[in-house]
Amino acid sequence: MITKPATEMVNEATVAASVTTAAADSETLTATKGTQLAVEGIATFHGSATGDVRVHVRCSSTDSDVAFGQAVDLGASQDGYFDIPCSAGNTVRATAPFSPDGLYYRCFAQNLDGSYAATNVIINAILQEIEPT
C-alpha cells in the first residue's frame, strides 16, 4: 500500500452560521486505485457556539462543480458525513474513515450552529492506494 500525502480539500477562514460551503470551495481528490480514505476536519468554535460543524464527503464519476452540487454524500451504508463536535471557544479536530466507491471526491463544511460562525475550518483527506506492481 502507498499512502499519499494529505490533500487539503477545504480551507475557509469563516463558515457563517447555518451555511454549507460550495462545490467550488473544495479541491478534488482523484482515487483511481483507492482502498481507504481518511478525512480530517478541524474547526475553531466561537465562545458561545453550541452547534457542530458537519463534514460531508461526496463522490462523483465526473469532476465538475455541477456534478458535485447534485451528488449525495458518500455511501448509503456509511453516513457520508461526520461531525466536528462543538467545544465553545476551542479548536477541535475529528477524523473519520471511508471506503472509496467513486473516482472523484470533494468535501463540504456545514456549520450547524444557527448563531455563530466557525473559523479556521480545514478539511484534509488522506488516500491509501494499492501499490502498483
C-alpha atoms as a PDB file:
ATOM      1  CA  MET A   1       0.000   0.000   0.000  1.00  0.00           C
ATOM      2  CA  ILE A   2       1.023   3.546  -0.674  1.00  0.00           C
ATOM      3  CA  THR A   3      -0.308   6.339   1.500  1.00  0.00           C
ATOM      4  CA  LYS A   4      -0.459   9.610  -0.399  1.00  0.00           C
ATOM      5  CA  PRO A   5       0.297  12.891   1.354  1.00  0.00           C
ATOM      6  CA  ALA A   6      -2.722  14.651   2.819  1.00  0.00           C
ATOM      7  CA  THR A   7      -4.716  16.785   0.398  1.00  0.00           C
ATOM      8  CA  GLU A   8      -6.158  19.979   1.818  1.00  0.00           C
ATOM      9  CA  MET A   9      -9.709  19.811   0.487  1.00  0.00           C
ATOM     10  CA  VAL A  10     -11.230  22.874   2.191  1.00  0.00           C
ATOM     11  CA  ASN A  11      -9.614  25.857   3.893  1.00  0.00           C
ATOM     12  CA  GLU A  12     -12.143  28.504   4.915  1.00  0.00           C
ATOM     13  CA  ALA A  13     -11.319  31.404   7.212  1.00  0.00           C
ATOM     14  CA  THR A  14     -15.007  31.608   8.146  1.00  0.00           C
ATOM     15  CA  VAL A  15     -18.096  29.451   7.615  1.00  0.00           C
ATOM     16  CA  ALA A  16     -21.047  31.621   8.591  1.00  0.00           C
ATOM     17  CA  ALA A  17     -23.874  30.398  10.827  1.00  0.00           C
ATOM     18  CA  SER A  18     -26.125  27.836   9.099  1.00  0.00           C
ATOM     19  CA  VAL A  19     -24.022  27.879   5.895  1.00  0.00           C
ATOM     20  CA  THR A  20     -22.598  24.999   3.840  1.00  0.00           C
ATOM     21  CA  THR A  21     -19.539  25.580   1.667  1.00  0.00           C
ATOM     22  CA  ALA A  22     -19.960  25.121  -2.103  1.00  0.00           C
ATOM     23  CA  ALA A  23     -18.510  22.563  -4.523  1.00  0.00           C
ATOM     24  CA  ALA A  24     -16.191  25.231  -5.918  1.00  0.00           C
ATOM     25  CA  ASP A  25     -14.714  25.723  -2.422  1.00  0.00           C
ATOM     26  CA  SER A  26     -13.265  22.183  -2.382  1.00  0.00           C
ATOM     27  CA  GLU A  27     -10.223  20.718  -4.051  1.00  0.00           C
ATOM     28  CA  THR A  28     -10.820  17.453  -5.908  1.00  0.00           C
ATOM     29  CA  LEU A  29      -9.200  14.207  -4.818  1.00  0.00           C
ATOM     30  CA  THR A  30      -8.844  11.563  -7.539  1.00  0.00           C
ATOM     31  CA  ALA A  31      -8.913   7.985  -6.279  1.00  0.00           C
ATOM     32  CA  THR A  32      -8.190   5.733  -9.221  1.00  0.00           C
ATOM     33  CA  LYS A  33      -6.787   2.973  -7.042  1.00  0.00           C
ATOM     34  CA  GLY A  34      -8.119   3.988  -3.662  1.00  0.00           C
ATOM     35  CA  THR A  35      -8.658   1.425  -0.981  1.00  0.00           C
ATOM     36  CA  GLN A  36      -9.046   3.571   2.127  1.00  0.00           C
ATOM     37  CA  LEU A  37      -9.868   7.211   2.671  1.00  0.00           C
ATOM     38  CA  ALA A  38      -9.407   9.125   5.924  1.00  0.00           C
ATOM     39  CA  VAL A  39     -10.935  12.588   6.240  1.00  0.00           C
ATOM     40  CA  GLU A  40      -9.903  15.015   8.968  1.00  0.00           C
ATOM     41  CA  GLY A  41     -11.871  18.107   9.913  1.00  0.00           C
ATOM     42  CA  ILE A  42     -10.590  20.991  12.031  1.00  0.00           C
ATOM     43  CA  ALA A  43     -12.660  23.966  13.195  1.00  0.00           C
ATOM     44  CA  THR A  44     -12.459  26.764  15.737  1.00  0.00           C
ATOM     45  CA  PHE A  45     -15.735  27.475  17.536  1.00  0.00           C
ATOM     46  CA  HIS A  46     -16.997  30.826  18.818  1.00  0.00           C
ATOM     47  CA  GLY A  47     -17.045  31.127  22.610  1.00  0.00           C
ATOM     48  CA  SER A  48     -20.864  30.941  22.641  1.00  0.00           C
ATOM     49  CA  ALA A  49     -21.329  28.353  19.874  1.00  0.00           C
ATOM     50  CA  THR A  50     -23.460  25.275  20.518  1.00  0.00           C
ATOM     51  CA  GLY A  51     -23.639  23.673  17.045  1.00  0.00           C
ATOM     52  CA  ASP A  52     -21.186  21.245  15.444  1.00  0.00           C
ATOM     53  CA  VAL A  53     -19.517  21.575  12.051  1.00  0.00           C
ATOM     54  CA  ARG A  54     -20.557  18.732   9.750  1.00  0.00           C
ATOM     55  CA  VAL A  55     -18.042  17.427   7.200  1.00  0.00           C
ATOM     56  CA  HIS A  56     -19.708  15.967   4.102  1.00  0.00           C
ATOM     57  CA  VAL A  57     -17.757  13.651   1.795  1.00  0.00           C
ATOM     58  CA  ARG A  58     -19.149  13.356  -1.736  1.00  0.00           C
ATOM     59  CA  CYS A  59     -18.054  11.340  -4.733  1.00  0.00           C
ATOM     60  CA  SER A  60     -18.814  11.627  -8.426  1.00  0.00           C
ATOM     61  CA  SER A  61     -17.834   9.944 -11.680  1.00  0.00           C
ATOM     62  CA  THR A  62     -17.083  13.365 -13.196  1.00  0.00           C
ATOM     63  CA  ASP A  63     -15.033  16.224 -11.798  1.00  0.00           C
ATOM     64  CA  SER A  64     -17.367  19.201 -12.160  1.00  0.00           C
ATOM     65  CA  ASP A  65     -18.971  21.679  -9.772  1.00  0.00           C
ATOM     66  CA  VAL A  66     -22.412  20.776 -11.167  1.00  0.00           C
ATOM     67  CA  ALA A  67     -21.894  17.046 -10.588  1.00  0.00           C
ATOM     68  CA  PHE A  68     -20.754  17.615  -7.017  1.00  0.00           C
ATOM     69  CA  GLY A  69     -23.583  20.036  -6.353  1.00  0.00           C
ATOM     70  CA  GLN A  70     -26.043  17.288  -7.295  1.00  0.00           C
ATOM     71  CA  ALA A  71     -24.102  14.410  -5.715  1.00  0.00           C
ATOM     72  CA  VAL A  72     -25.158  12.852  -2.456  1.00  0.00           C
ATOM     73  CA  ASP A  73     -22.922  12.092   0.473  1.00  0.00           C
ATOM     74  CA  LEU A  74     -20.658   9.080   0.070  1.00  0.00           C
ATOM     75  CA  GLY A  75     -22.175   5.638   0.544  1.00  0.00           C
ATOM     76  CA  ALA A  76     -25.698   4.857   1.660  1.00  0.00           C
ATOM     77  CA  SER A  77     -24.422   2.453   4.312  1.00  0.00           C
ATOM     78  CA  GLN A  78     -21.862   4.959   5.537  1.00  0.00           C
ATOM     79  CA  ASP A  79     -23.392   8.191   6.692  1.00  0.00           C
ATOM     80  CA  GLY A  80     -21.187  10.079   4.247  1.00  0.00           C
ATOM     81  CA  TYR A  81     -20.522  12.711   6.824  1.00  0.00           C
ATOM     82  CA  PHE A  82     -19.198  13.173  10.325  1.00  0.00           C
ATOM     83  CA  ASP A  83     -19.381  15.984  12.835  1.00  0.00           C
ATOM     84  CA  ILE A  84     -16.623  18.010  14.394  1.00  0.00           C
ATOM     85  CA  PRO A  85     -18.087  18.281  17.900  1.00  0.00           C
ATOM     86  CA  CYS A  86     -18.606  21.794  19.184  1.00  0.00           C
ATOM     87  CA  SER A  87     -16.434  22.902  22.075  1.00  0.00           C
ATOM     88  CA  ALA A  88     -17.194  26.587  22.596  1.00  0.00           C
ATOM     89  CA  GLY A  89     -14.091  28.765  22.299  1.00  0.00           C
ATOM     90  CA  ASN A  90     -11.837  25.881  21.237  1.00  0.00           C
ATOM     91  CA  THR A  91     -10.264  24.384  18.134  1.00  0.00           C
ATOM     92  CA  VAL A  92     -11.367  20.786  17.608  1.00  0.00           C
ATOM     93  CA  ARG A  93     -10.083  18.061  15.288  1.00  0.00           C
ATOM     94  CA  ALA A  94     -12.064  14.967  14.229  1.00  0.00           C
ATOM     95  CA  THR A  95     -11.218  12.175  11.768  1.00  0.00           C
ATOM     96  CA  ALA A  96     -13.345   9.516  10.105  1.00  0.00           C
ATOM     97  CA  PRO A  97     -12.561   6.597   7.737  1.00  0.00           C
ATOM     98  CA  PHE A  98     -14.414   5.990   4.477  1.00  0.00           C
ATOM     99  CA  SER A  99     -14.299   3.235   1.869  1.00  0.00           C
ATOM    100  CA  PRO A 100     -13.878   4.916  -1.505  1.00  0.00           C
ATOM    101  CA  ASP A 101     -16.545   3.960  -4.022  1.00  0.00           C
ATOM    102  CA  GLY A 102     -16.047   6.620  -6.674  1.00  0.00           C
ATOM    103  CA  LEU A 103     -13.438   8.294  -8.784  1.00  0.00           C
ATOM    104  CA  TYR A 104     -13.542  11.933  -7.664  1.00  0.00           C
ATOM    105  CA  TYR A 105     -14.091  13.263  -4.151  1.00  0.00           C
ATOM    106  CA  ARG A 106     -14.855  16.657  -2.694  1.00  0.00           C
ATOM    107  CA  CYS A 107     -15.668  17.755   0.829  1.00  0.00           C
ATOM    108  CA  PHE A 108     -18.095  20.327   2.176  1.00  0.00           C
ATOM    109  CA  ALA A 109     -18.243  22.000   5.597  1.00  0.00           C
ATOM    110  CA  GLN A 110     -21.684  22.716   7.071  1.00  0.00           C
ATOM    111  CA  ASN A 111     -21.934  24.955  10.113  1.00  0.00           C
ATOM    112  CA  LEU A 112     -24.791  23.544  12.197  1.00  0.00           C
ATOM    113  CA  ASP A 113     -24.731  26.494  14.606  1.00  0.00           C
ATOM    114  CA  GLY A 114     -27.542  28.899  13.790  1.00  0.00           C
ATOM    115  CA  SER A 115     -25.996  31.900  15.516  1.00  0.00           C
ATOM    116  CA  TYR A 116     -22.203  31.869  15.305  1.00  0.00           C
ATOM    117  CA  ALA A 117     -19.620  31.405  12.557  1.00  0.00           C
ATOM    118  CA  ALA A 118     -16.978  28.701  12.743  1.00  0.00           C
ATOM    119  CA  THR A 119     -13.482  29.861  11.832  1.00  0.00           C
ATOM    120  CA  ASN A 120     -10.290  28.300  10.500  1.00  0.00           C
ATOM    121  CA  VAL A 121     -12.230  25.383   9.015  1.00  0.00           C
ATOM    122  CA  ILE A 122      -9.869  22.925   7.330  1.00  0.00           C
ATOM    123  CA  ILE A 123     -10.678  19.539   5.809  1.00  0.00           C
ATOM    124  CA  ASN A 124      -7.838  17.204   4.855  1.00  0.00           C
ATOM    125  CA  ALA A 125      -8.135  13.875   3.039  1.00  0.00           C
ATOM    126  CA  ILE A 126      -5.607  11.050   3.074  1.00  0.00           C
ATOM    127  CA  LEU A 127      -5.888   8.284   0.500  1.00  0.00           C
ATOM    128  CA  GLN A 128      -4.250   4.894   0.756  1.00  0.00           C
ATOM    129  CA  GLU A 129      -3.764   3.326  -2.673  1.00  0.00           C
ATOM    130  CA  ILE A 130      -2.904  -0.116  -3.963  1.00  0.00           C
ATOM    131  CA  GLU A 131       0.791  -0.271  -4.760  1.00  0.00           C
ATOM    132  CA  PRO A 132       1.486  -0.710  -8.485  1.00  0.00           C
ATOM    133  CA  THR A 133       3.256  -3.925  -9.422  1.00  0.00           C
END
